[in-house]
C-alpha atoms as a PDB file:
ATOM      1  CA  MET A   1       0.000   0.000   0.000  1.00  0.00           C
ATOM      2  CA  PRO A   2       1.483   3.420  -0.981  1.00  0.00           C
ATOM      3  CA  LYS A   3       2.284   5.917   1.753  1.00  0.00           C
ATOM      4  CA  SER A   4      -0.252   8.639   2.367  1.00  0.00           C
ATOM      5  CA  LYS A   5       0.717  12.247   1.692  1.00  0.00           C
ATOM      6  CA  PRO A   6       1.106  13.115   5.396  1.00  0.00           C
ATOM      7  CA  ALA A   7       3.222   9.993   5.982  1.00  0.00           C
ATOM      8  CA  GLU A   8       5.523  10.989   3.095  1.00  0.00           C
ATOM      9  CA  GLU A   9       5.881  14.500   4.522  1.00  0.00           C
ATOM     10  CA  ILE A  10       6.702  13.109   7.962  1.00  0.00           C
ATOM     11  CA  ALA A  11       9.299  10.757   6.444  1.00  0.00           C
ATOM     12  CA  LYS A  12      10.923  13.676   4.551  1.00  0.00           C
ATOM     13  CA  LYS A  13      11.042  15.774   7.716  1.00  0.00           C
ATOM     14  CA  ARG A  14      12.633  12.922   9.650  1.00  0.00           C
ATOM     15  CA  ARG A  15      15.278  12.471   6.935  1.00  0.00           C
ATOM     16  CA  LEU A  16      16.063  16.192   7.020  1.00  0.00           C
ATOM     17  CA  ASP A  17      16.165  16.208  10.834  1.00  0.00           C
ATOM     18  CA  ALA A  18      18.624  13.291  10.713  1.00  0.00           C
ATOM     19  CA  ILE A  19      20.853  15.108   8.181  1.00  0.00           C
ATOM     20  CA  VAL A  20      20.795  18.336  10.193  1.00  0.00           C
ATOM     21  CA  GLY A  21      21.460  16.434  13.426  1.00  0.00           C
ATOM     22  CA  ALA A  22      24.449  14.588  11.976  1.00  0.00           C
ATOM     23  CA  ASN A  23      25.864  17.873  10.691  1.00  0.00           C
ATOM     24  CA  LEU A  24      25.353  19.558  14.053  1.00  0.00           C
ATOM     25  CA  ARG A  25      27.181  16.765  15.847  1.00  0.00           C
ATOM     26  CA  ALA A  26      30.034  16.774  13.304  1.00  0.00           C
ATOM     27  CA  GLU A  27      30.468  20.556  13.502  1.00  0.00           C
ATOM     28  CA  ARG A  28      30.280  20.559  17.296  1.00  0.00           C
ATOM     29  CA  GLN A  29      32.875  17.797  17.550  1.00  0.00           C
ATOM     30  CA  ALA A  30      35.148  19.418  14.936  1.00  0.00           C
ATOM     31  CA  ARG A  31      35.230  22.496  17.146  1.00  0.00           C
ATOM     32  CA  HIS A  32      35.878  20.429  20.300  1.00  0.00           C
ATOM     33  CA  MET A  33      32.623  21.621  21.849  1.00  0.00           C
ATOM     34  CA  THR A  34      30.711  19.532  24.344  1.00  0.00           C
ATOM     35  CA  MET A  35      26.962  19.064  24.257  1.00  0.00           C
ATOM     36  CA  GLU A  36      26.912  21.248  27.362  1.00  0.00           C
ATOM     37  CA  ASP A  37      28.674  24.041  25.441  1.00  0.00           C
ATOM     38  CA  MET A  38      26.142  23.861  22.626  1.00  0.00           C
ATOM     39  CA  ALA A  39      23.213  23.658  25.025  1.00  0.00           C
ATOM     40  CA  GLU A  40      24.426  26.763  26.827  1.00  0.00           C
ATOM     41  CA  ALA A  41      24.953  28.674  23.560  1.00  0.00           C
ATOM     42  CA  LEU A  42      21.419  27.822  22.413  1.00  0.00           C
ATOM     43  CA  ASN A  43      19.859  28.168  25.869  1.00  0.00           C
ATOM     44  CA  LEU A  44      18.618  24.568  25.698  1.00  0.00           C
ATOM     45  CA  SER A  45      19.011  21.478  27.838  1.00  0.00           C
ATOM     46  CA  VAL A  46      21.700  18.923  27.033  1.00  0.00           C
ATOM     47  CA  HIS A  47      18.878  16.426  26.526  1.00  0.00           C
ATOM     48  CA  MET A  48      17.372  18.635  23.780  1.00  0.00           C
ATOM     49  CA  VAL A  49      20.759  18.971  22.042  1.00  0.00           C
ATOM     50  CA  ARG A  50      21.140  15.180  22.153  1.00  0.00           C
ATOM     51  CA  LEU A  51      17.682  14.739  20.582  1.00  0.00           C
ATOM     52  CA  MET A  52      18.503  17.271  17.844  1.00  0.00           C
ATOM     53  CA  GLU A  53      21.808  15.572  17.044  1.00  0.00           C
ATOM     54  CA  LYS A  54      20.095  12.186  16.837  1.00  0.00           C
ATOM     55  CA  GLY A  55      17.487  13.675  14.491  1.00  0.00           C
ATOM     56  CA  ASP A  56      14.673  12.952  16.950  1.00  0.00           C
ATOM     57  CA  ARG A  57      13.856  16.663  17.307  1.00  0.00           C
ATOM     58  CA  GLY A  58      13.942  19.340  14.664  1.00  0.00           C
ATOM     59  CA  VAL A  59      15.932  22.519  15.139  1.00  0.00           C
ATOM     60  CA  THR A  60      13.892  25.714  15.310  1.00  0.00           C
ATOM     61  CA  PRO A  61      14.581  28.442  12.737  1.00  0.00           C
ATOM     62  CA  THR A  62      15.893  30.697  15.518  1.00  0.00           C
ATOM     63  CA  ASN A  63      18.372  28.055  16.666  1.00  0.00           C
ATOM     64  CA  MET A  64      19.378  27.292  13.071  1.00  0.00           C
ATOM     65  CA  GLN A  65      20.265  30.972  12.666  1.00  0.00           C
ATOM     66  CA  LYS A  66      22.286  30.916  15.908  1.00  0.00           C
ATOM     67  CA  LEU A  67      24.118  27.762  14.785  1.00  0.00           C
ATOM     68  CA  SER A  68      24.819  29.242  11.370  1.00  0.00           C
ATOM     69  CA  GLU A  69      26.434  32.257  13.002  1.00  0.00           C
ATOM     70  CA  MET A  70      28.205  30.218  15.676  1.00  0.00           C
ATOM     71  CA  PHE A  71      29.761  27.809  13.144  1.00  0.00           C
ATOM     72  CA  ASP A  72      30.156  30.473  10.418  1.00  0.00           C
ATOM     73  CA  MET A  73      28.249  28.328   7.927  1.00  0.00           C
ATOM     74  CA  PRO A  74      25.417  29.136   5.524  1.00  0.00           C
ATOM     75  CA  LEU A  75      22.091  27.741   6.719  1.00  0.00           C
ATOM     76  CA  ASP A  76      21.664  25.414   3.775  1.00  0.00           C
ATOM     77  CA  ALA A  77      25.019  23.720   4.473  1.00  0.00           C
ATOM     78  CA  PHE A  78      23.335  21.972   7.419  1.00  0.00           C
ATOM     79  CA  TYR A  79      21.010  20.207   4.945  1.00  0.00           C
ATOM     80  CA  ILE A  80      23.761  18.662   2.805  1.00  0.00           C
ATOM     81  CA  PRO A  81      24.368  15.041   3.827  1.00  0.00           C
ATOM     82  CA  ARG A  82      27.932  14.494   5.043  1.00  0.00           C
ATOM     83  CA  THR A  83      28.324  11.487   2.770  1.00  0.00           C
ATOM     84  CA  GLU A  84      27.999  13.858  -0.181  1.00  0.00           C
ATOM     85  CA  SER A  85      30.031  16.779   1.069  1.00  0.00           C
ATOM     86  CA  LYS A  86      31.648  18.219   4.152  1.00  0.00           C
ATOM     87  CA  TYR A  87      31.122  21.962   4.042  1.00  0.00           C
ATOM     88  CA  SER A  88      34.336  23.902   4.096  1.00  0.00           C
ATOM     89  CA  LEU A  89      35.477  27.255   2.795  1.00  0.00           C
ATOM     90  CA  ARG A  90      38.422  25.477   1.161  1.00  0.00           C
ATOM     91  CA  GLU A  91      36.104  23.192  -0.790  1.00  0.00           C
ATOM     92  CA  GLU A  92      33.957  26.122  -1.866  1.00  0.00           C
ATOM     93  CA  ALA A  93      37.038  28.022  -3.058  1.00  0.00           C
ATOM     94  CA  GLU A  94      38.498  25.014  -4.906  1.00  0.00           C
ATOM     95  CA  ASP A  95      35.344  24.103  -6.811  1.00  0.00           C
ATOM     96  CA  PRO A  96      32.579  26.680  -6.365  1.00  0.00           C
ATOM     97  CA  ARG A  97      30.342  25.127  -9.045  1.00  0.00           C
ATOM     98  CA  LYS A  98      30.375  21.718  -7.318  1.00  0.00           C
ATOM     99  CA  TYR A  99      29.657  23.323  -3.964  1.00  0.00           C
ATOM    100  CA  LEU A 100      26.808  25.413  -5.409  1.00  0.00           C
ATOM    101  CA  ARG A 101      25.289  22.321  -7.058  1.00  0.00           C
ATOM    102  CA  GLN A 102      25.311  20.592  -3.663  1.00  0.00           C
ATOM    103  CA  ARG A 103      23.623  23.594  -2.074  1.00  0.00           C
ATOM    104  CA  ILE A 104      20.939  23.587  -4.782  1.00  0.00           C
ATOM    105  CA  LYS A 105      20.428  19.855  -4.259  1.00  0.00           C
ATOM    106  CA  ALA A 106      20.035  20.366  -0.515  1.00  0.00           C
ATOM    107  CA  LEU A 107      17.582  23.219  -0.990  1.00  0.00           C
ATOM    108  CA  THR A 108      15.434  21.303  -3.474  1.00  0.00           C
ATOM    109  CA  LEU A 109      15.415  17.990  -1.589  1.00  0.00           C
ATOM    110  CA  ASP A 110      11.700  18.147  -0.856  1.00  0.00           C
ATOM    111  CA  PHE A 111      10.511  19.880  -4.048  1.00  0.00           C
ATOM    112  CA  SER A 112       7.660  18.281  -5.949  1.00  0.00           C
ATOM    113  CA  ALA A 113       8.063  17.404  -9.638  1.00  0.00           C
ATOM    114  CA  LYS A 114       6.015  20.485 -10.551  1.00  0.00           C
ATOM    115  CA  GLU A 115       8.265  22.753  -8.456  1.00  0.00           C
ATOM    116  CA  LEU A 116      11.383  21.242 -10.019  1.00  0.00           C
ATOM    117  CA  GLU A 117       9.984  21.770 -13.538  1.00  0.00           C
ATOM    118  CA  PHE A 118       9.244  25.402 -12.664  1.00  0.00           C
ATOM    119  CA  LEU A 119      12.779  25.856 -11.337  1.00  0.00           C
ATOM    120  CA  ILE A 120      14.274  24.329 -14.494  1.00  0.00           C
ATOM    121  CA  SER A 121      12.191  26.558 -16.770  1.00  0.00           C
ATOM    122  CA  THR A 122      13.151  29.618 -14.694  1.00  0.00           C
ATOM    123  CA  ILE A 123      16.843  28.756 -15.014  1.00  0.00           C
ATOM    124  CA  ARG A 124      16.493  28.233 -18.769  1.00  0.00           C
ATOM    125  CA  ASN A 125      14.705  31.559 -19.173  1.00  0.00           C
ATOM    126  CA  PHE A 126      17.345  33.310 -17.088  1.00  0.00           C
ATOM    127  CA  ARG A 127      20.111  31.844 -19.234  1.00  0.00           C
ATOM    128  CA  LEU A 128      18.347  32.918 -22.440  1.00  0.00           C
ATOM    129  CA  VAL A 129      17.891  36.475 -21.181  1.00  0.00           C
ATOM    130  CA  HIS A 130      21.448  36.609 -19.863  1.00  0.00           C
ATOM    131  CA  ARG A 131      22.878  35.373 -23.171  1.00  0.00           C
ATOM    132  CA  SER A 132      20.759  37.781 -25.212  1.00  0.00           C
ATOM    133  CA  ASN A 133      21.908  40.676 -22.986  1.00  0.00           C
ATOM    134  CA  GLU A 134      25.540  39.644 -23.541  1.00  0.00           C
ATOM    135  CA  TYR A 135      24.881  39.567 -27.287  1.00  0.00           C
ATOM    136  CA  VAL A 136      23.290  43.040 -27.228  1.00  0.00           C
ATOM    137  CA  GLU A 137      26.214  44.424 -25.190  1.00  0.00           C
ATOM    138  CA  GLU A 138      28.710  42.792 -27.566  1.00  0.00           C
ATOM    139  CA  GLU A 139      26.951  44.242 -30.604  1.00  0.00           C
ATOM    140  CA  ALA A 140      26.850  47.695 -29.013  1.00  0.00           C
ATOM    141  CA  GLY A 141      30.582  47.437 -28.320  1.00  0.00           C
ATOM    142  CA  ASN A 142      31.269  46.439 -31.919  1.00  0.00           C
ATOM    143  CA  GLU A 143      29.273  49.384 -33.278  1.00  0.00           C
ATOM    144  CA  GLY A 144      31.345  51.777 -31.183  1.00  0.00           C
ATOM    145  CA  ALA A 145      34.553  50.284 -32.635  1.00  0.00           C
ATOM    146  CA  LEU A 146      33.524  51.157 -36.205  1.00  0.00           C
END
């Protein structure tokens, strides 16, 4: 029997909570912070931090903003699974296109097919307009050279 719409949404949220939690734990540990340190910074209990890191509790938007600032990371980097990429400024500098593709993937993880089609058509239209503007600018530059 196929999953109902609410069950699918709950499953997606749990997957995202697990990804965010794993990233929180990895970033906390990379900075040699204890759960107590993170709990104090977020004004939460250690128990709540443990639940968030396990993916059993979602992180509120306010706490996501605090974590983003505390770890000096963009918000969407928390949604990229560690198996795909470990966020780092070095990685972003070495291959910005790869990093940006991963960010787009993370942001569109729960998009419907219709939303993805809209996004694709928007990107195509943007590229067409951008290329036609470059052509117009190039032609204007060539006219001035004559």
